[in-house]
PDB file of N, CA and C in Angstrom:
ATOM      1  N   MET A   1     -18.880  -1.754  -7.988  1.00  0.00           N
ATOM      2  CA  MET A   1     -18.486  -2.350  -6.739  1.00  0.00           C
ATOM      3  C   MET A   1     -17.037  -1.964  -6.426  1.00  0.00           C
ATOM      4  N   THR A   2     -16.777  -1.587  -5.220  1.00  0.00           N
ATOM      5  CA  THR A   2     -15.450  -1.158  -4.801  1.00  0.00           C
ATOM      6  C   THR A   2     -14.496  -2.345  -4.706  1.00  0.00           C
ATOM      7  N   THR A   3     -13.281  -2.142  -5.187  1.00  0.00           N
ATOM      8  CA  THR A   3     -12.229  -3.140  -5.066  1.00  0.00           C
ATOM      9  C   THR A   3     -11.371  -2.787  -3.858  1.00  0.00           C
ATOM     10  N   LYS A   4     -11.152  -3.760  -2.994  1.00  0.00           N
ATOM     11  CA  LYS A   4     -10.339  -3.578  -1.789  1.00  0.00           C
ATOM     12  C   LYS A   4      -9.143  -4.512  -1.878  1.00  0.00           C
ATOM     13  N   ALA A   5      -7.982  -4.026  -1.451  1.00  0.00           N
ATOM     14  CA  ALA A   5      -6.783  -4.858  -1.482  1.00  0.00           C
ATOM     15  C   ALA A   5      -5.897  -4.555  -0.281  1.00  0.00           C
ATOM     16  N   TYR A   6      -5.148  -5.569   0.108  1.00  0.00           N
ATOM     17  CA  TYR A   6      -4.141  -5.429   1.156  1.00  0.00           C
ATOM     18  C   TYR A   6      -2.799  -5.315   0.455  1.00  0.00           C
ATOM     19  N   LEU A   7      -2.047  -4.299   0.799  1.00  0.00           N
ATOM     20  CA  LEU A   7      -0.765  -4.065   0.164  1.00  0.00           C
ATOM     21  C   LEU A   7       0.344  -4.340   1.175  1.00  0.00           C
ATOM     22  N   LEU A   8       1.168  -5.345   0.870  1.00  0.00           N
ATOM     23  CA  LEU A   8       2.294  -5.715   1.722  1.00  0.00           C
ATOM     24  C   LEU A   8       3.520  -4.995   1.179  1.00  0.00           C
ATOM     25  N   ILE A   9       4.147  -4.183   2.010  1.00  0.00           N
ATOM     26  CA  ILE A   9       5.201  -3.296   1.526  1.00  0.00           C
ATOM     27  C   ILE A   9       6.513  -3.566   2.253  1.00  0.00           C
ATOM     28  N   GLU A  10       7.559  -3.752   1.466  1.00  0.00           N
ATOM     29  CA  GLU A  10       8.916  -3.847   2.005  1.00  0.00           C
ATOM     30  C   GLU A  10       9.585  -2.501   1.756  1.00  0.00           C
ATOM     31  N   THR A  11      10.247  -1.961   2.778  1.00  0.00           N
ATOM     32  CA  THR A  11      10.891  -0.662   2.642  1.00  0.00           C
ATOM     33  C   THR A  11      12.404  -0.784   2.786  1.00  0.00           C
ATOM     34  N   ALA A  12      13.098   0.259   2.341  1.00  0.00           N
ATOM     35  CA  ALA A  12      14.543   0.335   2.541  1.00  0.00           C
ATOM     36  C   ALA A  12      14.824   0.492   4.034  1.00  0.00           C
ATOM     37  N   VAL A  13      15.979   0.036   4.455  1.00  0.00           N
ATOM     38  CA  VAL A  13      16.365   0.114   5.867  1.00  0.00           C
ATOM     39  C   VAL A  13      16.299   1.570   6.339  1.00  0.00           C
ATOM     40  N   GLY A  14      15.609   1.776   7.451  1.00  0.00           N
ATOM     41  CA  GLY A  14      15.502   3.099   8.045  1.00  0.00           C
ATOM     42  C   GLY A  14      14.447   4.003   7.441  1.00  0.00           C
ATOM     43  N   LYS A  15      13.685   3.520   6.465  1.00  0.00           N
ATOM     44  CA  LYS A  15      12.703   4.356   5.770  1.00  0.00           C
ATOM     45  C   LYS A  15      11.255   4.008   6.094  1.00  0.00           C
ATOM     46  N   THR A  16      11.019   3.027   6.953  1.00  0.00           N
ATOM     47  CA  THR A  16       9.655   2.546   7.191  1.00  0.00           C
ATOM     48  C   THR A  16       8.724   3.645   7.673  1.00  0.00           C
ATOM     49  N   ARG A  17       9.120   4.396   8.672  1.00  0.00           N
ATOM     50  CA  ARG A  17       8.231   5.439   9.210  1.00  0.00           C
ATOM     51  C   ARG A  17       7.989   6.553   8.195  1.00  0.00           C
ATOM     52  N   ASP A  18       9.007   6.925   7.427  1.00  0.00           N
ATOM     53  CA  ASP A  18       8.832   7.947   6.391  1.00  0.00           C
ATOM     54  C   ASP A  18       7.837   7.480   5.332  1.00  0.00           C
ATOM     55  N   VAL A  19       7.974   6.230   4.902  1.00  0.00           N
ATOM     56  CA  VAL A  19       7.051   5.678   3.907  1.00  0.00           C
ATOM     57  C   VAL A  19       5.634   5.641   4.470  1.00  0.00           C
ATOM     58  N   ALA A  20       5.475   5.182   5.698  1.00  0.00           N
ATOM     59  CA  ALA A  20       4.148   5.107   6.318  1.00  0.00           C
ATOM     60  C   ALA A  20       3.498   6.484   6.388  1.00  0.00           C
ATOM     61  N   THR A  21       4.256   7.497   6.751  1.00  0.00           N
ATOM     62  CA  THR A  21       3.725   8.862   6.824  1.00  0.00           C
ATOM     63  C   THR A  21       3.284   9.350   5.450  1.00  0.00           C
ATOM     64  N   THR A  22       4.082   9.092   4.434  1.00  0.00           N
ATOM     65  CA  THR A  22       3.736   9.503   3.071  1.00  0.00           C
ATOM     66  C   THR A  22       2.483   8.792   2.586  1.00  0.00           C
ATOM     67  N   LEU A  23       2.390   7.489   2.821  1.00  0.00           N
ATOM     68  CA  LEU A  23       1.234   6.720   2.362  1.00  0.00           C
ATOM     69  C   LEU A  23      -0.052   7.171   3.035  1.00  0.00           C
ATOM     70  N   THR A  24       0.032   7.558   4.295  1.00  0.00           N
ATOM     71  CA  THR A  24      -1.157   7.977   5.034  1.00  0.00           C
ATOM     72  C   THR A  24      -1.845   9.154   4.349  1.00  0.00           C
ATOM     73  N   GLY A  25      -1.100   9.980   3.650  1.00  0.00           N
ATOM     74  CA  GLY A  25      -1.682  11.148   2.997  1.00  0.00           C
ATOM     75  C   GLY A  25      -2.220  10.913   1.600  1.00  0.00           C
ATOM     76  N   LEU A  26      -2.082   9.710   1.063  1.00  0.00           N
ATOM     77  CA  LEU A  26      -2.527   9.456  -0.309  1.00  0.00           C
ATOM     78  C   LEU A  26      -4.006   9.073  -0.368  1.00  0.00           C
ATOM     79  N   PRO A  27      -4.742   9.617  -1.338  1.00  0.00           N
ATOM     80  CA  PRO A  27      -6.145   9.207  -1.494  1.00  0.00           C
ATOM     81  C   PRO A  27      -6.229   7.749  -1.925  1.00  0.00           C
ATOM     82  N   GLY A  28      -7.241   7.055  -1.440  1.00  0.00           N
ATOM     83  CA  GLY A  28      -7.433   5.650  -1.785  1.00  0.00           C
ATOM     84  C   GLY A  28      -6.827   4.698  -0.777  1.00  0.00           C
ATOM     85  N   ILE A  29      -6.077   5.228   0.185  1.00  0.00           N
ATOM     86  CA  ILE A  29      -5.479   4.385   1.215  1.00  0.00           C
ATOM     87  C   ILE A  29      -6.291   4.541   2.490  1.00  0.00           C
ATOM     88  N   ALA A  30      -6.894   3.433   2.930  1.00  0.00           N
ATOM     89  CA  ALA A  30      -7.770   3.465   4.109  1.00  0.00           C
ATOM     90  C   ALA A  30      -6.975   3.392   5.403  1.00  0.00           C
ATOM     91  N   THR A  31      -6.012   2.474   5.480  1.00  0.00           N
ATOM     92  CA  THR A  31      -5.196   2.328   6.684  1.00  0.00           C
ATOM     93  C   THR A  31      -3.758   2.006   6.307  1.00  0.00           C
ATOM     94  N   VAL A  32      -2.852   2.386   7.197  1.00  0.00           N
ATOM     95  CA  VAL A  32      -1.427   2.085   7.042  1.00  0.00           C
ATOM     96  C   VAL A  32      -0.919   1.637   8.404  1.00  0.00           C
ATOM     97  N   ASP A  33      -0.397   0.416   8.478  1.00  0.00           N
ATOM     98  CA  ASP A  33       0.131  -0.110   9.732  1.00  0.00           C
ATOM     99  C   ASP A  33       1.570  -0.565   9.548  1.00  0.00           C
ATOM    100  N   VAL A  34       2.446  -0.131  10.442  1.00  0.00           N
ATOM    101  CA  VAL A  34       3.817  -0.635  10.488  1.00  0.00           C
ATOM    102  C   VAL A  34       3.765  -1.945  11.265  1.00  0.00           C
ATOM    103  N   VAL A  35       4.344  -3.003  10.678  1.00  0.00           N
ATOM    104  CA  VAL A  35       4.232  -4.346  11.257  1.00  0.00           C
ATOM    105  C   VAL A  35       5.605  -5.010  11.359  1.00  0.00           C
ATOM    106  N   THR A  36       5.637  -6.150  12.060  1.00  0.00           N
ATOM    107  CA  THR A  36       6.844  -6.967  12.113  1.00  0.00           C
ATOM    108  C   THR A  36       6.679  -8.126  11.136  1.00  0.00           C
ATOM    109  N   GLY A  37       7.767  -8.771  10.794  1.00  0.00           N
ATOM    110  CA  GLY A  37       7.702  -9.907   9.883  1.00  0.00           C
ATOM    111  C   GLY A  37       8.417  -9.603   8.590  1.00  0.00           C
ATOM    112  N   PRO A  38       8.110 -10.350   7.533  1.00  0.00           N
ATOM    113  CA  PRO A  38       8.833 -10.184   6.275  1.00  0.00           C
ATOM    114  C   PRO A  38       8.524  -8.869   5.561  1.00  0.00           C
ATOM    115  N   TYR A  39       7.414  -8.233   5.898  1.00  0.00           N
ATOM    116  CA  TYR A  39       7.062  -6.936   5.323  1.00  0.00           C
ATOM    117  C   TYR A  39       7.091  -5.896   6.427  1.00  0.00           C
ATOM    118  N   ASP A  40       7.262  -4.648   6.046  1.00  0.00           N
ATOM    119  CA  ASP A  40       7.388  -3.564   7.016  1.00  0.00           C
ATOM    120  C   ASP A  40       6.082  -2.811   7.239  1.00  0.00           C
ATOM    121  N   ILE A  41       5.246  -2.778   6.213  1.00  0.00           N
ATOM    122  CA  ILE A  41       3.985  -2.033   6.266  1.00  0.00           C
ATOM    123  C   ILE A  41       2.895  -2.866   5.607  1.00  0.00           C
ATOM    124  N   ILE A  42       1.702  -2.826   6.180  1.00  0.00           N
ATOM    125  CA  ILE A  42       0.515  -3.358   5.512  1.00  0.00           C
ATOM    126  C   ILE A  42      -0.471  -2.207   5.391  1.00  0.00           C
ATOM    127  N   ALA A  43      -0.886  -1.935   4.165  1.00  0.00           N
ATOM    128  CA  ALA A  43      -1.855  -0.872   3.908  1.00  0.00           C
ATOM    129  C   ALA A  43      -3.107  -1.485   3.294  1.00  0.00           C
ATOM    130  N   VAL A  44      -4.254  -0.911   3.614  1.00  0.00           N
ATOM    131  CA  VAL A  44      -5.509  -1.301   2.978  1.00  0.00           C
ATOM    132  C   VAL A  44      -5.842  -0.204   1.980  1.00  0.00           C
ATOM    133  N   VAL A  45      -6.002  -0.604   0.721  1.00  0.00           N
ATOM    134  CA  VAL A  45      -6.320   0.357  -0.334  1.00  0.00           C
ATOM    135  C   VAL A  45      -7.655  -0.013  -0.966  1.00  0.00           C
ATOM    136  N   SER A  46      -8.307   0.977  -1.546  1.00  0.00           N
ATOM    137  CA  SER A  46      -9.570   0.697  -2.230  1.00  0.00           C
ATOM    138  C   SER A  46      -9.757   1.677  -3.376  1.00  0.00           C
ATOM    139  N   GLY A  47     -10.542   1.228  -4.335  1.00  0.00           N
ATOM    140  CA  GLY A  47     -10.856   2.051  -5.495  1.00  0.00           C
ATOM    141  C   GLY A  47     -12.109   1.526  -6.151  1.00  0.00           C
ATOM    142  N   GLU A  48     -12.624   2.290  -7.090  1.00  0.00           N
ATOM    143  CA  GLU A  48     -13.903   1.904  -7.693  1.00  0.00           C
ATOM    144  C   GLU A  48     -13.802   0.623  -8.515  1.00  0.00           C
ATOM    145  N   ASP A  49     -12.593   0.299  -8.998  1.00  0.00           N
ATOM    146  CA  ASP A  49     -12.389  -0.968  -9.707  1.00  0.00           C
ATOM    147  C   ASP A  49     -10.904  -1.327  -9.669  1.00  0.00           C
ATOM    148  N   MET A  50     -10.559  -2.449 -10.267  1.00  0.00           N
ATOM    149  CA  MET A  50      -9.180  -2.945 -10.231  1.00  0.00           C
ATOM    150  C   MET A  50      -8.221  -1.997 -10.946  1.00  0.00           C
ATOM    151  N   THR A  51      -8.686  -1.325 -11.976  1.00  0.00           N
ATOM    152  CA  THR A  51      -7.839  -0.375 -12.691  1.00  0.00           C
ATOM    153  C   THR A  51      -7.415   0.766 -11.780  1.00  0.00           C
ATOM    154  N   VAL A  52      -8.344   1.281 -10.995  1.00  0.00           N
ATOM    155  CA  VAL A  52      -8.041   2.374 -10.066  1.00  0.00           C
ATOM    156  C   VAL A  52      -7.045   1.912  -9.006  1.00  0.00           C
ATOM    157  N   VAL A  53      -7.261   0.729  -8.461  1.00  0.00           N
ATOM    158  CA  VAL A  53      -6.337   0.185  -7.459  1.00  0.00           C
ATOM    159  C   VAL A  53      -4.959  -0.031  -8.088  1.00  0.00           C
ATOM    160  N   GLY A  54      -4.917  -0.578  -9.275  1.00  0.00           N
ATOM    161  CA  GLY A  54      -3.645  -0.796  -9.967  1.00  0.00           C
ATOM    162  C   GLY A  54      -2.901   0.497 -10.229  1.00  0.00           C
ATOM    163  N   ASP A  55      -3.627   1.534 -10.646  1.00  0.00           N
ATOM    164  CA  ASP A  55      -3.002   2.836 -10.877  1.00  0.00           C
ATOM    165  C   ASP A  55      -2.464   3.435  -9.582  1.00  0.00           C
ATOM    166  N   LEU A  56      -3.193   3.251  -8.489  1.00  0.00           N
ATOM    167  CA  LEU A  56      -2.734   3.737  -7.187  1.00  0.00           C
ATOM    168  C   LEU A  56      -1.417   3.063  -6.801  1.00  0.00           C
ATOM    169  N   VAL A  57      -1.363   1.752  -6.988  1.00  0.00           N
ATOM    170  CA  VAL A  57      -0.162   1.001  -6.606  1.00  0.00           C
ATOM    171  C   VAL A  57       1.014   1.349  -7.513  1.00  0.00           C
ATOM    172  N   THR A  58       0.822   1.272  -8.816  1.00  0.00           N
ATOM    173  CA  THR A  58       1.946   1.475  -9.736  1.00  0.00           C
ATOM    174  C   THR A  58       2.291   2.939  -9.959  1.00  0.00           C
ATOM    175  N   GLY A  59       1.303   3.807  -9.916  1.00  0.00           N
ATOM    176  CA  GLY A  59       1.548   5.214 -10.204  1.00  0.00           C
ATOM    177  C   GLY A  59       1.894   6.069  -9.011  1.00  0.00           C
ATOM    178  N   HIS A  60       1.501   5.638  -7.832  1.00  0.00           N
ATOM    179  CA  HIS A  60       1.731   6.465  -6.645  1.00  0.00           C
ATOM    180  C   HIS A  60       2.581   5.758  -5.591  1.00  0.00           C
ATOM    181  N   ILE A  61       2.187   4.568  -5.204  1.00  0.00           N
ATOM    182  CA  ILE A  61       2.884   3.889  -4.106  1.00  0.00           C
ATOM    183  C   ILE A  61       4.284   3.448  -4.528  1.00  0.00           C
ATOM    184  N   HIS A  62       4.431   2.922  -5.732  1.00  0.00           N
ATOM    185  CA  HIS A  62       5.755   2.486  -6.192  1.00  0.00           C
ATOM    186  C   HIS A  62       6.731   3.647  -6.343  1.00  0.00           C
ATOM    187  N   THR A  63       6.224   4.867  -6.473  1.00  0.00           N
ATOM    188  CA  THR A  63       7.108   6.021  -6.647  1.00  0.00           C
ATOM    189  C   THR A  63       7.536   6.654  -5.327  1.00  0.00           C
ATOM    190  N   VAL A  64       7.000   6.183  -4.209  1.00  0.00           N
ATOM    191  CA  VAL A  64       7.368   6.729  -2.899  1.00  0.00           C
ATOM    192  C   VAL A  64       8.806   6.316  -2.570  1.00  0.00           C
ATOM    193  N   THR A  65       9.631   7.290  -2.231  1.00  0.00           N
ATOM    194  CA  THR A  65      11.019   7.014  -1.862  1.00  0.00           C
ATOM    195  C   THR A  65      11.064   6.091  -0.651  1.00  0.00           C
ATOM    196  N   GLY A  66      11.809   5.009  -0.777  1.00  0.00           N
ATOM    197  CA  GLY A  66      11.936   4.043   0.312  1.00  0.00           C
ATOM    198  C   GLY A  66      11.146   2.766   0.096  1.00  0.00           C
ATOM    199  N   VAL A  67      10.208   2.764  -0.854  1.00  0.00           N
ATOM    200  CA  VAL A  67       9.465   1.539  -1.162  1.00  0.00           C
ATOM    201  C   VAL A  67      10.360   0.658  -2.028  1.00  0.00           C
ATOM    202  N   VAL A  68      10.620  -0.554  -1.558  1.00  0.00           N
ATOM    203  CA  VAL A  68      11.494  -1.483  -2.272  1.00  0.00           C
ATOM    204  C   VAL A  68      10.675  -2.474  -3.092  1.00  0.00           C
ATOM    205  N   ARG A  69       9.612  -3.017  -2.494  1.00  0.00           N
ATOM    206  CA  ARG A  69       8.814  -4.059  -3.144  1.00  0.00           C
ATOM    207  C   ARG A  69       7.422  -4.053  -2.540  1.00  0.00           C
ATOM    208  N   THR A  70       6.435  -4.426  -3.360  1.00  0.00           N
ATOM    209  CA  THR A  70       5.068  -4.562  -2.848  1.00  0.00           C
ATOM    210  C   THR A  70       4.457  -5.867  -3.335  1.00  0.00           C
ATOM    211  N   VAL A  71       3.518  -6.364  -2.564  1.00  0.00           N
ATOM    212  CA  VAL A  71       2.677  -7.494  -2.958  1.00  0.00           C
ATOM    213  C   VAL A  71       1.249  -7.032  -2.731  1.00  0.00           C
ATOM    214  N   THR A  72       0.412  -7.142  -3.760  1.00  0.00           N
ATOM    215  CA  THR A  72      -0.979  -6.717  -3.655  1.00  0.00           C
ATOM    216  C   THR A  72      -1.874  -7.938  -3.554  1.00  0.00           C
ATOM    217  N   CYS A  73      -2.666  -8.001  -2.485  1.00  0.00           N
ATOM    218  CA  CYS A  73      -3.591  -9.109  -2.244  1.00  0.00           C
ATOM    219  C   CYS A  73      -5.010  -8.560  -2.320  1.00  0.00           C
ATOM    220  N   VAL A  74      -5.704  -8.859  -3.404  1.00  0.00           N
ATOM    221  CA  VAL A  74      -7.061  -8.350  -3.597  1.00  0.00           C
ATOM    222  C   VAL A  74      -8.030  -9.151  -2.737  1.00  0.00           C
ATOM    223  N   ALA A  75      -8.900  -8.441  -2.021  1.00  0.00           N
ATOM    224  CA  ALA A  75      -9.901  -9.093  -1.176  1.00  0.00           C
ATOM    225  C   ALA A  75     -10.976  -9.720  -2.057  1.00  0.00           C
ATOM    226  N   VAL A  76     -11.279 -10.974  -1.793  1.00  0.00           N
ATOM    227  CA  VAL A  76     -12.316 -11.686  -2.533  1.00  0.00           C
ATOM    228  C   VAL A  76     -13.675 -11.420  -1.900  1.00  0.00           C
ATOM    229  N   THR A  77     -13.717 -11.393  -0.580  1.00  0.00           N
ATOM    230  CA  THR A  77     -14.928 -11.042   0.161  1.00  0.00           C
ATOM    231  C   THR A  77     -14.532 -10.098   1.289  1.00  0.00           C
ATOM    232  N   SER A  78     -15.504  -9.300   1.714  1.00  0.00           N
ATOM    233  CA  SER A  78     -15.223  -8.435   2.871  1.00  0.00           C
ATOM    234  C   SER A  78     -16.496  -8.119   3.611  1.00  0.00           C
TER     235      SER A  78
END
């Protein structure tokens, strides 16, 4: 069963659009939206299980220049 999660991303000042562009090209990321509020970007990610989603977040998204902090919200139902 596929694991789906919403990723709330805070970026460095002036880096939001660069981060959004980089994330759009990564496999496992379904959507990337620049938003207003306490977070700068909300991305929908998915993988075959929680390990895959975790590796995507920690191994790829956290290494993107300009990403300051993330919160991962795993979907319980969809």
